[in-house]
Structures are given as C-alpha cells and as structure tokens.
Amino acid sequence: MRRTSDFDAEVSQRLRRSLKFRQAYILAYIEDEGLSVEDALRQTIGDIGINEFSEMSGVPKQLLSSFRSGNRNLKPESLDTFLEPFGLKTKIIVEKLKAA
C-alpha cells in the first residue's frame, strides 16, 4: 500500500510509541482545529500510516482505506474500536432544549 502525501515517518513513530502523544494529537485536531471525530481519525490514521494503524487497532487495512477515503462512515461501536488505540471512547449526552 502506498503512503499518503501527509505521512511523516517521525510523527508516525511518535504516535505509535506514546499513548499520551496519540491522545493529545487527535484531541488537538478535534478541539483546536474543530474537526469532527471521524475527520480527526481520518487525518490521524493517515499520519500514523494505514498499515501501522491496522496493526495497532486490529482493523483490516481495506476497512481503514475505505474509511479514510470517505467512502465509509462508522457506527458508534466501530468508532469506539477506532478510538481504542488512543485510550478514548465515545459518549452520547442528551440534554433538554432551552425554552425560547
């Protein structure tokens, strides 16, 4: 599988070595850059490398490629599988709407 243009070997290595770095890295995409969780995952998977992320997560490379290219969205339980290598999981919160 070819590397994407945003692949950086040094960043990839740091992402694979350190859970703390992985968490901060993906959360920066979400909180600082304003990306959705799925878009932050797409970017971070590209930064780590599809082969490397597949090894980390146990998710097949074909599924990762399809997700990364935008051809597939994730169900909530799949999203948690993708977030597990970051030590993260989803949480749905339901709140009352404020009266107008």
N, C-alpha and C. Protein backbone atom coordinates (compact mmCIF):
# COMPACT_ATOMS: atom_id res chain seq x y z
N MET A 1 0.84 -1.17 0.00
CA MET A 1 0.00 0.00 0.00
C MET A 1 0.90 1.24 0.00
N ARG A 2 0.59 2.21 -0.86
CA ARG A 2 1.38 3.43 -0.95
C ARG A 2 1.12 4.35 0.23
N ARG A 3 2.11 5.13 0.56
CA ARG A 3 1.96 6.12 1.63
C ARG A 3 1.18 7.31 1.11
N THR A 4 0.42 7.94 2.01
CA THR A 4 -0.28 9.15 1.63
C THR A 4 0.69 10.32 1.67
N SER A 5 0.31 11.40 1.04
CA SER A 5 1.19 12.56 0.98
C SER A 5 1.41 13.19 2.36
N ASP A 6 0.49 12.97 3.30
CA ASP A 6 0.65 13.56 4.63
C ASP A 6 1.38 12.65 5.61
N PHE A 7 1.85 11.49 5.14
CA PHE A 7 2.57 10.57 6.02
C PHE A 7 3.92 11.17 6.39
N ASP A 8 4.24 11.15 7.66
CA ASP A 8 5.51 11.64 8.17
C ASP A 8 6.07 10.55 9.07
N ALA A 9 7.21 9.97 8.68
CA ALA A 9 7.77 8.82 9.40
C ALA A 9 8.07 9.15 10.87
N GLU A 10 8.58 10.33 11.14
CA GLU A 10 8.92 10.70 12.52
C GLU A 10 7.66 10.85 13.37
N VAL A 11 6.65 11.53 12.83
CA VAL A 11 5.38 11.68 13.56
C VAL A 11 4.73 10.32 13.76
N SER A 12 4.75 9.51 12.72
CA SER A 12 4.18 8.16 12.81
C SER A 12 4.82 7.37 13.95
N GLN A 13 6.12 7.44 14.03
CA GLN A 13 6.83 6.70 15.08
C GLN A 13 6.44 7.21 16.47
N ARG A 14 6.36 8.52 16.64
CA ARG A 14 5.95 9.08 17.94
C ARG A 14 4.53 8.68 18.29
N LEU A 15 3.64 8.69 17.29
CA LEU A 15 2.25 8.30 17.52
C LEU A 15 2.14 6.83 17.94
N ARG A 16 2.97 5.99 17.36
CA ARG A 16 2.91 4.56 17.69
C ARG A 16 3.53 4.27 19.05
N ARG A 17 4.48 5.07 19.48
CA ARG A 17 5.18 4.80 20.74
C ARG A 17 4.46 5.29 21.98
N SER A 18 3.74 6.41 21.88
CA SER A 18 3.25 7.06 23.09
C SER A 18 1.73 7.28 23.08
N LEU A 19 1.05 6.63 24.01
CA LEU A 19 -0.40 6.82 24.16
C LEU A 19 -0.71 8.28 24.49
N LYS A 20 0.06 8.88 25.37
CA LYS A 20 -0.16 10.27 25.76
C LYS A 20 -0.05 11.19 24.55
N PHE A 21 0.93 10.97 23.70
CA PHE A 21 1.11 11.76 22.49
C PHE A 21 -0.06 11.54 21.53
N ARG A 22 -0.48 10.27 21.36
CA ARG A 22 -1.61 9.95 20.48
C ARG A 22 -2.88 10.69 20.92
N GLN A 23 -3.15 10.64 22.23
CA GLN A 23 -4.34 11.31 22.76
C GLN A 23 -4.29 12.81 22.49
N ALA A 24 -3.18 13.43 22.83
CA ALA A 24 -3.04 14.87 22.64
C ALA A 24 -3.13 15.24 21.16
N TYR A 25 -2.58 14.41 20.31
CA TYR A 25 -2.53 14.66 18.88
C TYR A 25 -3.93 14.67 18.27
N ILE A 26 -4.71 13.63 18.54
CA ILE A 26 -6.05 13.56 17.95
C ILE A 26 -6.99 14.57 18.60
N LEU A 27 -6.84 14.80 19.91
CA LEU A 27 -7.68 15.79 20.57
C LEU A 27 -7.39 17.20 20.07
N ALA A 28 -6.17 17.47 19.66
CA ALA A 28 -5.84 18.78 19.07
C ALA A 28 -6.59 18.97 17.76
N TYR A 29 -6.69 17.92 16.95
CA TYR A 29 -7.47 18.02 15.71
C TYR A 29 -8.94 18.33 16.01
N ILE A 30 -9.46 17.72 17.08
CA ILE A 30 -10.88 17.90 17.42
C ILE A 30 -11.12 19.25 18.09
N GLU A 31 -10.35 19.53 19.13
CA GLU A 31 -10.60 20.72 19.95
C GLU A 31 -10.00 21.99 19.35
N ASP A 32 -8.80 21.93 18.83
CA ASP A 32 -8.13 23.13 18.32
C ASP A 32 -8.46 23.41 16.85
N GLU A 33 -8.52 22.37 16.04
CA GLU A 33 -8.78 22.53 14.62
C GLU A 33 -10.27 22.48 14.28
N GLY A 34 -11.08 21.99 15.23
CA GLY A 34 -12.52 21.94 15.01
C GLY A 34 -12.99 20.82 14.10
N LEU A 35 -12.17 19.78 13.93
CA LEU A 35 -12.57 18.65 13.10
C LEU A 35 -13.55 17.76 13.85
N SER A 36 -14.41 17.08 13.11
CA SER A 36 -15.27 16.07 13.72
C SER A 36 -14.38 14.91 14.17
N VAL A 37 -14.92 14.06 15.02
CA VAL A 37 -14.14 12.90 15.48
C VAL A 37 -13.73 12.04 14.29
N GLU A 38 -14.65 11.81 13.36
CA GLU A 38 -14.32 10.98 12.20
C GLU A 38 -13.25 11.63 11.33
N ASP A 39 -13.34 12.93 11.10
CA ASP A 39 -12.32 13.60 10.29
C ASP A 39 -10.97 13.63 11.00
N ALA A 40 -10.99 13.79 12.32
CA ALA A 40 -9.74 13.74 13.09
C ALA A 40 -9.11 12.35 12.99
N LEU A 41 -9.94 11.31 13.05
CA LEU A 41 -9.44 9.95 12.88
C LEU A 41 -8.86 9.74 11.48
N ARG A 42 -9.56 10.22 10.46
CA ARG A 42 -9.06 10.08 9.09
C ARG A 42 -7.68 10.70 8.96
N GLN A 43 -7.53 11.91 9.48
CA GLN A 43 -6.25 12.60 9.39
C GLN A 43 -5.17 11.87 10.19
N THR A 44 -5.50 11.48 11.40
CA THR A 44 -4.51 10.83 12.27
C THR A 44 -4.10 9.46 11.73
N ILE A 45 -5.05 8.71 11.19
CA ILE A 45 -4.72 7.42 10.58
C ILE A 45 -3.74 7.63 9.43
N GLY A 46 -3.95 8.68 8.64
CA GLY A 46 -3.01 8.99 7.57
C GLY A 46 -1.65 9.37 8.11
N ASP A 47 -1.63 10.08 9.22
CA ASP A 47 -0.37 10.49 9.83
C ASP A 47 0.40 9.32 10.43
N ILE A 48 -0.33 8.36 10.99
CA ILE A 48 0.29 7.16 11.56
C ILE A 48 0.71 6.22 10.43
N GLY A 49 -0.16 6.08 9.46
CA GLY A 49 0.04 5.11 8.38
C GLY A 49 -1.02 4.03 8.49
N ILE A 50 -1.64 3.69 7.38
CA ILE A 50 -2.73 2.70 7.40
C ILE A 50 -2.22 1.35 7.89
N ASN A 51 -1.08 0.92 7.39
CA ASN A 51 -0.53 -0.37 7.83
C ASN A 51 -0.27 -0.39 9.33
N GLU A 52 0.33 0.68 9.82
CA GLU A 52 0.67 0.77 11.24
C GLU A 52 -0.59 0.84 12.11
N PHE A 53 -1.58 1.62 11.67
CA PHE A 53 -2.81 1.72 12.46
C PHE A 53 -3.57 0.40 12.45
N SER A 54 -3.52 -0.30 11.34
CA SER A 54 -4.16 -1.61 11.27
C SER A 54 -3.56 -2.56 12.31
N GLU A 55 -2.24 -2.53 12.43
CA GLU A 55 -1.56 -3.37 13.43
C GLU A 55 -1.94 -2.95 14.85
N MET A 56 -2.04 -1.64 15.09
CA MET A 56 -2.37 -1.13 16.43
C MET A 56 -3.80 -1.46 16.83
N SER A 57 -4.71 -1.36 15.88
CA SER A 57 -6.14 -1.44 16.20
C SER A 57 -6.78 -2.79 15.89
N GLY A 58 -6.14 -3.57 15.01
CA GLY A 58 -6.74 -4.83 14.58
C GLY A 58 -7.81 -4.64 13.51
N VAL A 59 -7.97 -3.41 13.02
CA VAL A 59 -8.94 -3.12 11.97
C VAL A 59 -8.28 -3.44 10.63
N PRO A 60 -8.97 -4.19 9.76
CA PRO A 60 -8.39 -4.55 8.46
C PRO A 60 -8.03 -3.32 7.62
N LYS A 61 -6.95 -3.42 6.88
CA LYS A 61 -6.46 -2.31 6.05
C LYS A 61 -7.50 -1.84 5.04
N GLN A 62 -8.24 -2.78 4.46
CA GLN A 62 -9.26 -2.40 3.47
C GLN A 62 -10.32 -1.49 4.09
N LEU A 63 -10.75 -1.82 5.30
CA LEU A 63 -11.74 -1.01 6.01
C LEU A 63 -11.17 0.37 6.32
N LEU A 64 -9.92 0.41 6.75
CA LEU A 64 -9.27 1.69 7.04
C LEU A 64 -9.16 2.55 5.79
N SER A 65 -8.78 1.94 4.68
CA SER A 65 -8.65 2.68 3.43
C SER A 65 -10.00 3.24 2.99
N SER A 66 -11.04 2.44 3.10
CA SER A 66 -12.38 2.86 2.72
C SER A 66 -12.86 4.00 3.62
N PHE A 67 -12.62 3.88 4.91
CA PHE A 67 -13.00 4.93 5.86
C PHE A 67 -12.20 6.20 5.59
N ARG A 68 -10.91 6.06 5.42
CA ARG A 68 -10.05 7.22 5.23
C ARG A 68 -10.39 7.99 3.96
N SER A 69 -10.78 7.30 2.92
CA SER A 69 -11.13 7.96 1.66
C SER A 69 -12.52 8.59 1.70
N GLY A 70 -13.25 8.39 2.79
CA GLY A 70 -14.58 8.98 2.92
C GLY A 70 -15.70 8.13 2.36
N ASN A 71 -15.37 6.91 1.94
CA ASN A 71 -16.39 6.03 1.37
C ASN A 71 -17.18 5.28 2.43
N ARG A 72 -16.79 5.41 3.67
CA ARG A 72 -17.46 4.68 4.74
C ARG A 72 -17.51 5.55 5.99
N ASN A 73 -18.67 5.57 6.63
CA ASN A 73 -18.83 6.21 7.93
C ASN A 73 -18.90 5.12 8.98
N LEU A 74 -18.65 5.48 10.21
CA LEU A 74 -18.57 4.48 11.27
C LEU A 74 -19.82 4.47 12.13
N LYS A 75 -20.24 3.27 12.50
CA LYS A 75 -21.29 3.09 13.50
C LYS A 75 -20.65 3.41 14.86
N PRO A 76 -21.47 3.76 15.87
CA PRO A 76 -20.89 4.09 17.18
C PRO A 76 -19.95 3.03 17.74
N GLU A 77 -20.32 1.75 17.61
CA GLU A 77 -19.44 0.71 18.16
C GLU A 77 -18.13 0.59 17.37
N SER A 78 -18.18 0.86 16.07
CA SER A 78 -16.96 0.86 15.26
C SER A 78 -16.09 2.05 15.61
N LEU A 79 -16.72 3.17 15.88
CA LEU A 79 -15.99 4.37 16.26
C LEU A 79 -15.17 4.11 17.52
N ASP A 80 -15.76 3.42 18.48
CA ASP A 80 -15.02 3.08 19.70
C ASP A 80 -13.84 2.17 19.41
N THR A 81 -13.97 1.26 18.46
CA THR A 81 -12.85 0.39 18.07
C THR A 81 -11.72 1.23 17.50
N PHE A 82 -12.06 2.21 16.68
CA PHE A 82 -11.05 3.09 16.08
C PHE A 82 -10.40 3.99 17.12
N LEU A 83 -11.15 4.37 18.16
CA LEU A 83 -10.63 5.26 19.21
C LEU A 83 -9.83 4.54 20.29
N GLU A 84 -10.00 3.23 20.38
CA GLU A 84 -9.33 2.46 21.45
C GLU A 84 -7.81 2.66 21.49
N PRO A 85 -7.10 2.66 20.34
CA PRO A 85 -5.65 2.88 20.41
C PRO A 85 -5.25 4.25 20.97
N PHE A 86 -6.21 5.16 21.07
CA PHE A 86 -5.95 6.49 21.63
C PHE A 86 -6.35 6.57 23.10
N GLY A 87 -6.87 5.45 23.63
CA GLY A 87 -7.34 5.45 25.01
C GLY A 87 -8.59 6.30 25.17
N LEU A 88 -9.40 6.38 24.09
CA LEU A 88 -10.60 7.19 24.09
C LEU A 88 -11.82 6.35 23.71
N LYS A 89 -13.01 6.84 24.07
CA LYS A 89 -14.25 6.21 23.65
C LYS A 89 -15.31 7.29 23.52
N THR A 90 -16.39 6.96 22.82
CA THR A 90 -17.45 7.93 22.62
C THR A 90 -18.40 7.94 23.81
N LYS A 91 -19.10 9.05 23.94
CA LYS A 91 -20.11 9.19 24.98
C LYS A 91 -21.21 10.08 24.41
N ILE A 92 -22.43 9.61 24.43
CA ILE A 92 -23.55 10.38 23.91
C ILE A 92 -24.25 11.03 25.09
N ILE A 93 -24.48 12.32 24.97
CA ILE A 93 -25.16 13.08 26.03
C ILE A 93 -26.46 13.64 25.46
N VAL A 94 -27.55 13.45 26.18
CA VAL A 94 -28.83 14.00 25.79
C VAL A 94 -29.18 15.09 26.81
N GLU A 95 -29.52 16.27 26.28
CA GLU A 95 -29.86 17.39 27.14
C GLU A 95 -31.21 17.97 26.70
N LYS A 96 -31.89 18.63 27.64
CA LYS A 96 -33.12 19.33 27.31
C LYS A 96 -32.78 20.58 26.50
N LEU A 97 -33.67 20.89 25.56
CA LEU A 97 -33.53 22.13 24.81
C LEU A 97 -33.95 23.29 25.71
N LYS A 98 -33.31 24.39 25.53
CA LYS A 98 -33.68 25.58 26.30
C LYS A 98 -34.95 26.18 25.72
N ALA A 99 -35.84 26.61 26.58
CA ALA A 99 -37.10 27.21 26.13
C ALA A 99 -36.80 28.54 25.45
N ALA A 100 -37.54 28.82 24.40
CA ALA A 100 -37.33 30.06 23.64
C ALA A 100 -37.94 31.26 24.30
